[in-house]
Amino acid sequence: MDLKLTGKKVFISGSTKGIGYATAKTLAEEDARVIINGRTRDSVDEAVKRMNKDLDRPAVMGLACDFSRPEEVVRLIEKIGDVEVLINNVGIFENKDFADITDADWNEIYQVNVMSGVRLSRAFLPKMLEKNRGRIIFISSESAINIPPGMIHYGLSKTALLALSRGLAKITEGSAVTVNSILPGPTKTEGFEKSIPKNQPVEEFEEKFFKKARPTSIIKRFADPQEVANLAAYVASPLSSATNGASLRVDGGVVDTIY
């Protein structure tokens, strides 16, 4: 299927690995002009090199930015210029008991997970509305609804993205610009791999995880980043023109509601 993304300029925050990288690759395969992003110049350069090798052509460019530093975000926005598709994917997480989450922890996760999207959307949405075209996508999480007790600060930040996305969508009323959020479930990213105890087979870890931590999952497995990227690519495309203000799940059925 032609997603009609040829030549469209795309910026994806936090896209040197995981869901962001898979989404960048998928959009680059559709001949979009993709800018990937990571926290350090080295991580960006490595990802750009890997992407270009994967696609066997100069497919993407990259810009570094640490989203916990507002001054770096200002410089990033200046370098980007205009974009037709903004995908707010950057995010951090950690497992931590609520009583141990410090003010500094709360502030960092809010700055990176929430304010990154606020600042980028504030910069690019008005330009999209002026041109009457554009897509903004927030990569939230099933944890926005199914708040994990061991990551309450992370869950709260992802819930905030749903509110932000819905509110911004209302600003686009009557235009051809859309704002949506995507809620991935447990996904096989680098963070997943790091959480597996040494000497424990992946299959055993996966089985125990879905029995204890996500028993409502219907697919009973971790998603592949590409499965999330497939949905993100469609939502980023002109083909999704009637989808606006939506919270779209690719969570394997973890969230146990019908709405």
C-alpha atoms as a PDB file:
ATOM      1  CA  MET A   1       0.000   0.000   0.000  1.00  0.00           C
ATOM      2  CA  ASP A   2       1.250   3.464  -0.870  1.00  0.00           C
ATOM      3  CA  LEU A   3       0.914   5.584   2.275  1.00  0.00           C
ATOM      4  CA  LYS A   4       1.456   8.760   0.208  1.00  0.00           C
ATOM      5  CA  LEU A   5       4.340   9.905   2.402  1.00  0.00           C
ATOM      6  CA  THR A   6       6.880  10.516  -0.361  1.00  0.00           C
ATOM      7  CA  GLY A   7       8.842  13.673   0.333  1.00  0.00           C
ATOM      8  CA  LYS A   8       7.077  14.530   3.592  1.00  0.00           C
ATOM      9  CA  LYS A   9       9.365  15.858   6.304  1.00  0.00           C
ATOM     10  CA  VAL A  10       9.139  13.874   9.540  1.00  0.00           C
ATOM     11  CA  PHE A  11      10.742  14.380  12.942  1.00  0.00           C
ATOM     12  CA  ILE A  12      10.678  11.545  15.485  1.00  0.00           C
ATOM     13  CA  SER A  13      12.000  12.213  18.976  1.00  0.00           C
ATOM     14  CA  GLY A  14      13.838   9.388  20.718  1.00  0.00           C
ATOM     15  CA  SER A  15      14.285   7.358  17.552  1.00  0.00           C
ATOM     16  CA  THR A  16      17.749   5.830  17.711  1.00  0.00           C
ATOM     17  CA  LYS A  17      16.311   2.496  18.867  1.00  0.00           C
ATOM     18  CA  GLY A  18      13.140   0.617  19.740  1.00  0.00           C
ATOM     19  CA  ILE A  19       9.732   1.817  18.556  1.00  0.00           C
ATOM     20  CA  GLY A  20      11.147   5.151  17.377  1.00  0.00           C
ATOM     21  CA  TYR A  21      13.782   3.510  15.205  1.00  0.00           C
ATOM     22  CA  ALA A  22      11.294   1.035  13.714  1.00  0.00           C
ATOM     23  CA  THR A  23       8.917   3.893  12.920  1.00  0.00           C
ATOM     24  CA  ALA A  24      11.681   5.962  11.345  1.00  0.00           C
ATOM     25  CA  LYS A  25      12.713   3.030   9.174  1.00  0.00           C
ATOM     26  CA  THR A  26       9.139   2.339   8.089  1.00  0.00           C
ATOM     27  CA  LEU A  27       8.566   5.963   7.112  1.00  0.00           C
ATOM     28  CA  ALA A  28      11.921   6.143   5.325  1.00  0.00           C
ATOM     29  CA  GLU A  29      10.916   3.060   3.342  1.00  0.00           C
ATOM     30  CA  GLU A  30       7.870   5.081   2.259  1.00  0.00           C
ATOM     31  CA  ASP A  31      10.307   7.737   0.968  1.00  0.00           C
ATOM     32  CA  ALA A  32       9.540  10.292   3.670  1.00  0.00           C
ATOM     33  CA  ARG A  33      12.345  12.685   4.628  1.00  0.00           C
ATOM     34  CA  VAL A  34      13.007  11.469   8.162  1.00  0.00           C
ATOM     35  CA  ILE A  35      14.971  13.179  10.915  1.00  0.00           C
ATOM     36  CA  ILE A  36      15.844  10.847  13.767  1.00  0.00           C
ATOM     37  CA  ASN A  37      16.852  11.954  17.230  1.00  0.00           C
ATOM     38  CA  GLY A  38      18.774  10.726  20.246  1.00  0.00           C
ATOM     39  CA  ARG A  39      20.194  12.183  23.425  1.00  0.00           C
ATOM     40  CA  THR A  40      23.831  12.242  22.258  1.00  0.00           C
ATOM     41  CA  ARG A  41      25.582  12.918  18.980  1.00  0.00           C
ATOM     42  CA  ASP A  42      27.261   9.522  19.092  1.00  0.00           C
ATOM     43  CA  SER A  43      23.963   7.662  19.466  1.00  0.00           C
ATOM     44  CA  VAL A  44      22.466   9.636  16.588  1.00  0.00           C
ATOM     45  CA  ASP A  45      25.432   9.077  14.289  1.00  0.00           C
ATOM     46  CA  GLU A  46      25.397   5.358  15.031  1.00  0.00           C
ATOM     47  CA  ALA A  47      21.659   5.099  14.332  1.00  0.00           C
ATOM     48  CA  VAL A  48      21.900   7.073  11.090  1.00  0.00           C
ATOM     49  CA  LYS A  49      24.722   4.829   9.910  1.00  0.00           C
ATOM     50  CA  ARG A  50      22.742   1.698  10.795  1.00  0.00           C
ATOM     51  CA  MET A  51      19.583   2.988   9.121  1.00  0.00           C
ATOM     52  CA  ASN A  52      21.351   3.917   5.917  1.00  0.00           C
ATOM     53  CA  LYS A  53      22.976   0.489   5.870  1.00  0.00           C
ATOM     54  CA  ASP A  54      19.642  -1.247   6.496  1.00  0.00           C
ATOM     55  CA  LEU A  55      18.017   0.593   3.603  1.00  0.00           C
ATOM     56  CA  ASP A  56      21.132   0.570   1.417  1.00  0.00           C
ATOM     57  CA  ARG A  57      20.898   4.311   0.702  1.00  0.00           C
ATOM     58  CA  PRO A  58      21.188   7.691   2.439  1.00  0.00           C
ATOM     59  CA  ALA A  59      17.728   7.446   4.012  1.00  0.00           C
ATOM     60  CA  VAL A  60      17.701   9.679   7.097  1.00  0.00           C
ATOM     61  CA  MET A  61      19.460  12.505   8.865  1.00  0.00           C
ATOM     62  CA  GLY A  62      19.827  12.972  12.604  1.00  0.00           C
ATOM     63  CA  LEU A  63      19.831  15.635  15.311  1.00  0.00           C
ATOM     64  CA  ALA A  64      20.878  15.202  18.941  1.00  0.00           C
ATOM     65  CA  CYS A  65      18.918  16.665  21.849  1.00  0.00           C
ATOM     66  CA  ASP A  66      18.633  15.933  25.552  1.00  0.00           C
ATOM     67  CA  PHE A  67      14.967  16.675  26.265  1.00  0.00           C
ATOM     68  CA  SER A  68      15.621  17.129  29.972  1.00  0.00           C
ATOM     69  CA  ARG A  69      17.392  20.378  29.005  1.00  0.00           C
ATOM     70  CA  PRO A  70      14.947  23.032  27.693  1.00  0.00           C
ATOM     71  CA  GLU A  71      17.744  25.081  26.152  1.00  0.00           C
ATOM     72  CA  GLU A  72      18.695  22.151  23.938  1.00  0.00           C
ATOM     73  CA  VAL A  73      15.081  21.812  22.785  1.00  0.00           C
ATOM     74  CA  VAL A  74      15.075  25.453  21.680  1.00  0.00           C
ATOM     75  CA  ARG A  75      18.162  24.861  19.541  1.00  0.00           C
ATOM     76  CA  LEU A  76      16.692  21.636  18.158  1.00  0.00           C
ATOM     77  CA  ILE A  77      13.508  23.381  17.016  1.00  0.00           C
ATOM     78  CA  GLU A  78      15.560  26.025  15.237  1.00  0.00           C
ATOM     79  CA  LYS A  79      17.507  23.344  13.384  1.00  0.00           C
ATOM     80  CA  ILE A  80      14.422  21.385  12.351  1.00  0.00           C
ATOM     81  CA  GLY A  81      12.537  24.271  10.761  1.00  0.00           C
ATOM     82  CA  ASP A  82       9.101  23.066   9.622  1.00  0.00           C
ATOM     83  CA  VAL A  83       7.831  19.483   9.636  1.00  0.00           C
ATOM     84  CA  GLU A  84       4.748  17.856   8.163  1.00  0.00           C
ATOM     85  CA  VAL A  85       4.767  14.960  10.630  1.00  0.00           C
ATOM     86  CA  LEU A  86       5.819  15.190  14.289  1.00  0.00           C
ATOM     87  CA  ILE A  87       6.042  11.983  16.286  1.00  0.00           C
ATOM     88  CA  ASN A  88       6.569  12.558  20.004  1.00  0.00           C
ATOM     89  CA  ASN A  89       8.171   9.278  20.991  1.00  0.00           C
ATOM     90  CA  VAL A  90      10.983  10.129  23.409  1.00  0.00           C
ATOM     91  CA  GLY A  91      10.464   8.703  26.870  1.00  0.00           C
ATOM     92  CA  ILE A  92      12.224   7.350  29.930  1.00  0.00           C
ATOM     93  CA  PHE A  93      11.037   4.875  32.560  1.00  0.00           C
ATOM     94  CA  GLU A  94      12.210   3.085  35.660  1.00  0.00           C
ATOM     95  CA  ASN A  95      10.805   0.635  38.167  1.00  0.00           C
ATOM     96  CA  LYS A  96      10.620   2.346  41.543  1.00  0.00           C
ATOM     97  CA  ASP A  97       8.423   2.112  44.630  1.00  0.00           C
ATOM     98  CA  PHE A  98       6.196   5.174  45.018  1.00  0.00           C
ATOM     99  CA  ALA A  99       7.704   6.158  48.384  1.00  0.00           C
ATOM    100  CA  ASP A 100      11.165   6.181  46.800  1.00  0.00           C
ATOM    101  CA  ILE A 101      10.302   8.416  43.834  1.00  0.00           C
ATOM    102  CA  THR A 102      11.972  11.738  44.604  1.00  0.00           C
ATOM    103  CA  ASP A 103      10.963  15.195  43.396  1.00  0.00           C
ATOM    104  CA  ALA A 104      13.947  15.054  41.056  1.00  0.00           C
ATOM    105  CA  ASP A 105      12.664  11.765  39.607  1.00  0.00           C
ATOM    106  CA  TRP A 106       9.209  13.251  39.068  1.00  0.00           C
ATOM    107  CA  ASN A 107      10.646  16.351  37.443  1.00  0.00           C
ATOM    108  CA  GLU A 108      12.938  14.445  35.084  1.00  0.00           C
ATOM    109  CA  ILE A 109      10.270  12.068  33.842  1.00  0.00           C
ATOM    110  CA  TYR A 110       7.814  14.943  33.356  1.00  0.00           C
ATOM    111  CA  GLN A 111      10.352  17.077  31.493  1.00  0.00           C
ATOM    112  CA  VAL A 112      11.316  14.261  29.123  1.00  0.00           C
ATOM    113  CA  ASN A 113       8.050  12.379  28.661  1.00  0.00           C
ATOM    114  CA  VAL A 114       5.561  15.265  28.733  1.00  0.00           C
ATOM    115  CA  MET A 115       7.247  18.616  28.181  1.00  0.00           C
ATOM    116  CA  SER A 116       9.165  17.309  25.158  1.00  0.00           C
ATOM    117  CA  GLY A 117       5.839  16.877  23.372  1.00  0.00           C
ATOM    118  CA  VAL A 118       4.494  20.170  24.702  1.00  0.00           C
ATOM    119  CA  ARG A 119       7.489  22.135  23.430  1.00  0.00           C
ATOM    120  CA  LEU A 120       7.674  20.462  20.026  1.00  0.00           C
ATOM    121  CA  SER A 121       3.926  20.680  19.430  1.00  0.00           C
ATOM    122  CA  ARG A 122       3.856  24.316  20.502  1.00  0.00           C
ATOM    123  CA  ALA A 123       6.505  25.039  17.903  1.00  0.00           C
ATOM    124  CA  PHE A 124       5.070  23.069  14.977  1.00  0.00           C
ATOM    125  CA  LEU A 125       1.273  22.901  15.363  1.00  0.00           C
ATOM    126  CA  PRO A 126       0.643  26.583  14.510  1.00  0.00           C
ATOM    127  CA  LYS A 127       2.654  26.187  11.292  1.00  0.00           C
ATOM    128  CA  MET A 128       0.700  23.058  10.389  1.00  0.00           C
ATOM    129  CA  LEU A 129      -2.581  24.883  10.935  1.00  0.00           C
ATOM    130  CA  GLU A 130      -1.409  27.817   8.847  1.00  0.00           C
ATOM    131  CA  LYS A 131      -0.632  25.447   5.950  1.00  0.00           C
ATOM    132  CA  ASN A 132      -3.718  23.302   6.670  1.00  0.00           C
ATOM    133  CA  ARG A 133      -1.804  20.033   6.676  1.00  0.00           C
ATOM    134  CA  GLY A 134       0.151  17.961   9.148  1.00  0.00           C
ATOM    135  CA  ARG A 135       0.182  15.120  11.632  1.00  0.00           C
ATOM    136  CA  ILE A 136       1.149  15.035  15.306  1.00  0.00           C
ATOM    137  CA  ILE A 137       1.401  11.663  17.031  1.00  0.00           C
ATOM    138  CA  PHE A 138       2.101  10.989  20.688  1.00  0.00           C
ATOM    139  CA  ILE A 139       3.511   7.590  21.602  1.00  0.00           C
ATOM    140  CA  SER A 140       1.834   7.000  24.949  1.00  0.00           C
ATOM    141  CA  SER A 141       1.450   3.543  26.536  1.00  0.00           C
ATOM    142  CA  GLU A 142      -1.100   1.100  27.889  1.00  0.00           C
ATOM    143  CA  SER A 143       0.413   2.167  31.211  1.00  0.00           C
ATOM    144  CA  ALA A 144      -1.479   5.436  30.748  1.00  0.00           C
ATOM    145  CA  ILE A 145      -4.670   3.528  31.540  1.00  0.00           C
ATOM    146  CA  ASN A 146      -3.347   0.424  33.273  1.00  0.00           C
ATOM    147  CA  ILE A 147      -1.108   2.299  35.739  1.00  0.00           C
ATOM    148  CA  PRO A 148       1.717   0.006  36.954  1.00  0.00           C
ATOM    149  CA  PRO A 149       2.140   0.297  40.744  1.00  0.00           C
ATOM    150  CA  GLY A 150       5.903   0.033  40.369  1.00  0.00           C
ATOM    151  CA  MET A 151       6.070   2.901  37.850  1.00  0.00           C
ATOM    152  CA  ILE A 152       3.399   5.366  38.937  1.00  0.00           C
ATOM    153  CA  HIS A 153       5.396   8.377  37.763  1.00  0.00           C
ATOM    154  CA  TYR A 154       5.835   6.802  34.320  1.00  0.00           C
ATOM    155  CA  GLY A 155       2.133   5.938  34.101  1.00  0.00           C
ATOM    156  CA  LEU A 156       1.146   9.458  35.079  1.00  0.00           C
ATOM    157  CA  SER A 157       3.379  10.937  32.381  1.00  0.00           C
ATOM    158  CA  LYS A 158       1.784   8.714  29.744  1.00  0.00           C
ATOM    159  CA  THR A 159      -1.725   9.625  30.936  1.00  0.00           C
ATOM    160  CA  ALA A 160      -0.769  13.280  30.552  1.00  0.00           C
ATOM    161  CA  LEU A 161       0.057  12.622  26.909  1.00  0.00           C
ATOM    162  CA  LEU A 162      -3.485  11.394  26.279  1.00  0.00           C
ATOM    163  CA  ALA A 163      -4.896  14.627  27.680  1.00  0.00           C
ATOM    164  CA  LEU A 164      -2.414  16.715  25.735  1.00  0.00           C
ATOM    165  CA  SER A 165      -3.140  14.880  22.493  1.00  0.00           C
ATOM    166  CA  ARG A 166      -6.914  15.184  22.864  1.00  0.00           C
ATOM    167  CA  GLY A 167      -6.711  18.854  23.772  1.00  0.00           C
ATOM    168  CA  LEU A 168      -4.489  19.689  20.797  1.00  0.00           C
ATOM    169  CA  ALA A 169      -6.788  17.747  18.482  1.00  0.00           C
ATOM    170  CA  LYS A 170      -9.622  20.094  19.432  1.00  0.00           C
ATOM    171  CA  ILE A 171      -7.499  23.039  18.295  1.00  0.00           C
ATOM    172  CA  THR A 172      -7.385  21.499  14.800  1.00  0.00           C
ATOM    173  CA  GLU A 173     -11.176  21.611  14.422  1.00  0.00           C
ATOM    174  CA  GLY A 174     -12.225  22.099  10.795  1.00  0.00           C
ATOM    175  CA  SER A 175      -8.674  21.716   9.455  1.00  0.00           C
ATOM    176  CA  ALA A 176      -6.779  18.934   7.692  1.00  0.00           C
ATOM    177  CA  VAL A 177      -4.338  18.632  10.611  1.00  0.00           C
ATOM    178  CA  THR A 178      -4.746  15.697  13.005  1.00  0.00           C
ATOM    179  CA  VAL A 179      -3.412  14.877  16.464  1.00  0.00           C
ATOM    180  CA  ASN A 180      -3.596  11.336  17.824  1.00  0.00           C
ATOM    181  CA  SER A 181      -1.955   9.142  20.425  1.00  0.00           C
ATOM    182  CA  ILE A 182      -0.839   5.525  20.186  1.00  0.00           C
ATOM    183  CA  LEU A 183      -0.773   3.201  23.183  1.00  0.00           C
ATOM    184  CA  PRO A 184       1.730   0.358  22.761  1.00  0.00           C
ATOM    185  CA  GLY A 185       1.642  -2.555  25.157  1.00  0.00           C
ATOM    186  CA  PRO A 186       4.722  -4.422  26.411  1.00  0.00           C
ATOM    187  CA  THR A 187       7.168  -4.352  23.507  1.00  0.00           C
ATOM    188  CA  LYS A 188      10.499  -6.052  22.788  1.00  0.00           C
ATOM    189  CA  THR A 189      12.709  -2.995  22.963  1.00  0.00           C
ATOM    190  CA  GLU A 190      16.206  -2.667  24.369  1.00  0.00           C
ATOM    191  CA  GLY A 191      14.619  -1.845  27.736  1.00  0.00           C
ATOM    192  CA  PHE A 192      12.803  -5.178  27.633  1.00  0.00           C
ATOM    193  CA  GLU A 193      16.033  -7.029  26.953  1.00  0.00           C
ATOM    194  CA  LYS A 194      17.759  -5.355  29.906  1.00  0.00           C
ATOM    195  CA  SER A 195      14.969  -6.420  32.261  1.00  0.00           C
ATOM    196  CA  ILE A 196      15.498 -10.141  31.655  1.00  0.00           C
ATOM    197  CA  PRO A 197      17.478 -11.723  34.509  1.00  0.00           C
ATOM    198  CA  LYS A 198      20.745 -13.320  33.487  1.00  0.00           C
ATOM    199  CA  ASN A 199      20.551 -17.003  32.630  1.00  0.00           C
ATOM    200  CA  GLN A 200      16.751 -16.897  32.337  1.00  0.00           C
ATOM    201  CA  PRO A 201      15.420 -18.002  28.932  1.00  0.00           C
ATOM    202  CA  VAL A 202      13.422 -15.309  27.125  1.00  0.00           C
ATOM    203  CA  GLU A 203      10.450 -17.635  26.703  1.00  0.00           C
ATOM    204  CA  GLU A 204      10.328 -18.339  30.444  1.00  0.00           C
ATOM    205  CA  PHE A 205      10.576 -14.650  31.311  1.00  0.00           C
ATOM    206  CA  GLU A 206       7.818 -13.792  28.830  1.00  0.00           C
ATOM    207  CA  GLU A 207       5.478 -16.470  30.145  1.00  0.00           C
ATOM    208  CA  LYS A 208       5.921 -15.386  33.765  1.00  0.00           C
ATOM    209  CA  PHE A 209       5.576 -11.688  32.878  1.00  0.00           C
ATOM    210  CA  PHE A 210       2.188 -12.167  31.264  1.00  0.00           C
ATOM    211  CA  LYS A 211       0.949 -14.408  34.054  1.00  0.00           C
ATOM    212  CA  LYS A 212       1.868 -11.979  36.834  1.00  0.00           C
ATOM    213  CA  ALA A 213       2.377  -8.454  35.446  1.00  0.00           C
ATOM    214  CA  ARG A 214      -0.035  -8.325  32.453  1.00  0.00           C
ATOM    215  CA  PRO A 215      -2.538 -11.167  32.925  1.00  0.00           C
ATOM    216  CA  THR A 216      -5.190  -9.406  30.804  1.00  0.00           C
ATOM    217  CA  SER A 217      -3.040  -9.608  27.675  1.00  0.00           C
ATOM    218  CA  ILE A 218      -4.830 -11.455  24.909  1.00  0.00           C
ATOM    219  CA  ILE A 219      -1.839 -12.175  22.679  1.00  0.00           C
ATOM    220  CA  LYS A 220       0.273 -13.315  25.678  1.00  0.00           C
ATOM    221  CA  ARG A 221       3.531 -12.076  24.194  1.00  0.00           C
ATOM    222  CA  PHE A 222       5.624  -8.963  23.770  1.00  0.00           C
ATOM    223  CA  ALA A 223       4.928  -6.993  20.616  1.00  0.00           C
ATOM    224  CA  ASP A 224       7.678  -6.346  18.129  1.00  0.00           C
ATOM    225  CA  PRO A 225       8.544  -2.645  17.624  1.00  0.00           C
ATOM    226  CA  GLN A 226       7.611  -3.066  13.971  1.00  0.00           C
ATOM    227  CA  GLU A 227       4.031  -3.887  14.944  1.00  0.00           C
ATOM    228  CA  VAL A 228       3.768  -0.509  16.659  1.00  0.00           C
ATOM    229  CA  ALA A 229       5.562   1.225  13.783  1.00  0.00           C
ATOM    230  CA  ASN A 230       3.022  -0.128  11.310  1.00  0.00           C
ATOM    231  CA  LEU A 231       0.202   1.690  13.099  1.00  0.00           C
ATOM    232  CA  ALA A 232       2.273   4.855  13.540  1.00  0.00           C
ATOM    233  CA  ALA A 233       3.067   4.946   9.819  1.00  0.00           C
ATOM    234  CA  TYR A 234      -0.617   4.735   8.894  1.00  0.00           C
ATOM    235  CA  VAL A 235      -1.602   7.463  11.382  1.00  0.00           C
ATOM    236  CA  ALA A 236       1.202   9.649   9.994  1.00  0.00           C
ATOM    237  CA  SER A 237      -0.108   9.259   6.462  1.00  0.00           C
ATOM    238  CA  PRO A 238      -2.752  11.231   4.550  1.00  0.00           C
ATOM    239  CA  LEU A 239      -4.810   8.021   4.475  1.00  0.00           C
ATOM    240  CA  SER A 240      -5.715   8.522   8.158  1.00  0.00           C
ATOM    241  CA  SER A 241      -7.479  11.837   7.489  1.00  0.00           C
ATOM    242  CA  ALA A 242     -10.657  10.915   9.422  1.00  0.00           C
ATOM    243  CA  THR A 243      -8.741   9.776  12.512  1.00  0.00           C
ATOM    244  CA  ASN A 244      -8.354  12.704  14.899  1.00  0.00           C
ATOM    245  CA  GLY A 245      -8.315  13.029  18.674  1.00  0.00           C
ATOM    246  CA  ALA A 246      -8.067   9.262  19.027  1.00  0.00           C
ATOM    247  CA  SER A 247      -6.201   7.051  21.478  1.00  0.00           C
ATOM    248  CA  LEU A 248      -5.234   4.037  19.399  1.00  0.00           C
ATOM    249  CA  ARG A 249      -4.139   0.851  21.145  1.00  0.00           C
ATOM    250  CA  VAL A 250      -1.562  -1.614  19.889  1.00  0.00           C
ATOM    251  CA  ASP A 251      -1.351  -3.278  23.302  1.00  0.00           C
ATOM    252  CA  GLY A 252      -2.192  -6.890  22.592  1.00  0.00           C
ATOM    253  CA  GLY A 253      -5.446  -6.508  24.501  1.00  0.00           C
ATOM    254  CA  VAL A 254      -3.832  -5.642  27.850  1.00  0.00           C
ATOM    255  CA  VAL A 255      -6.279  -2.819  28.596  1.00  0.00           C
ATOM    256  CA  ASP A 256      -9.411  -4.714  29.598  1.00  0.00           C
ATOM    257  CA  THR A 257     -12.121  -2.302  28.448  1.00  0.00           C
ATOM    258  CA  ILE A 258     -14.385  -2.122  25.384  1.00  0.00           C
ATOM    259  CA  TYR A 259     -13.902   1.612  24.809  1.00  0.00           C
END
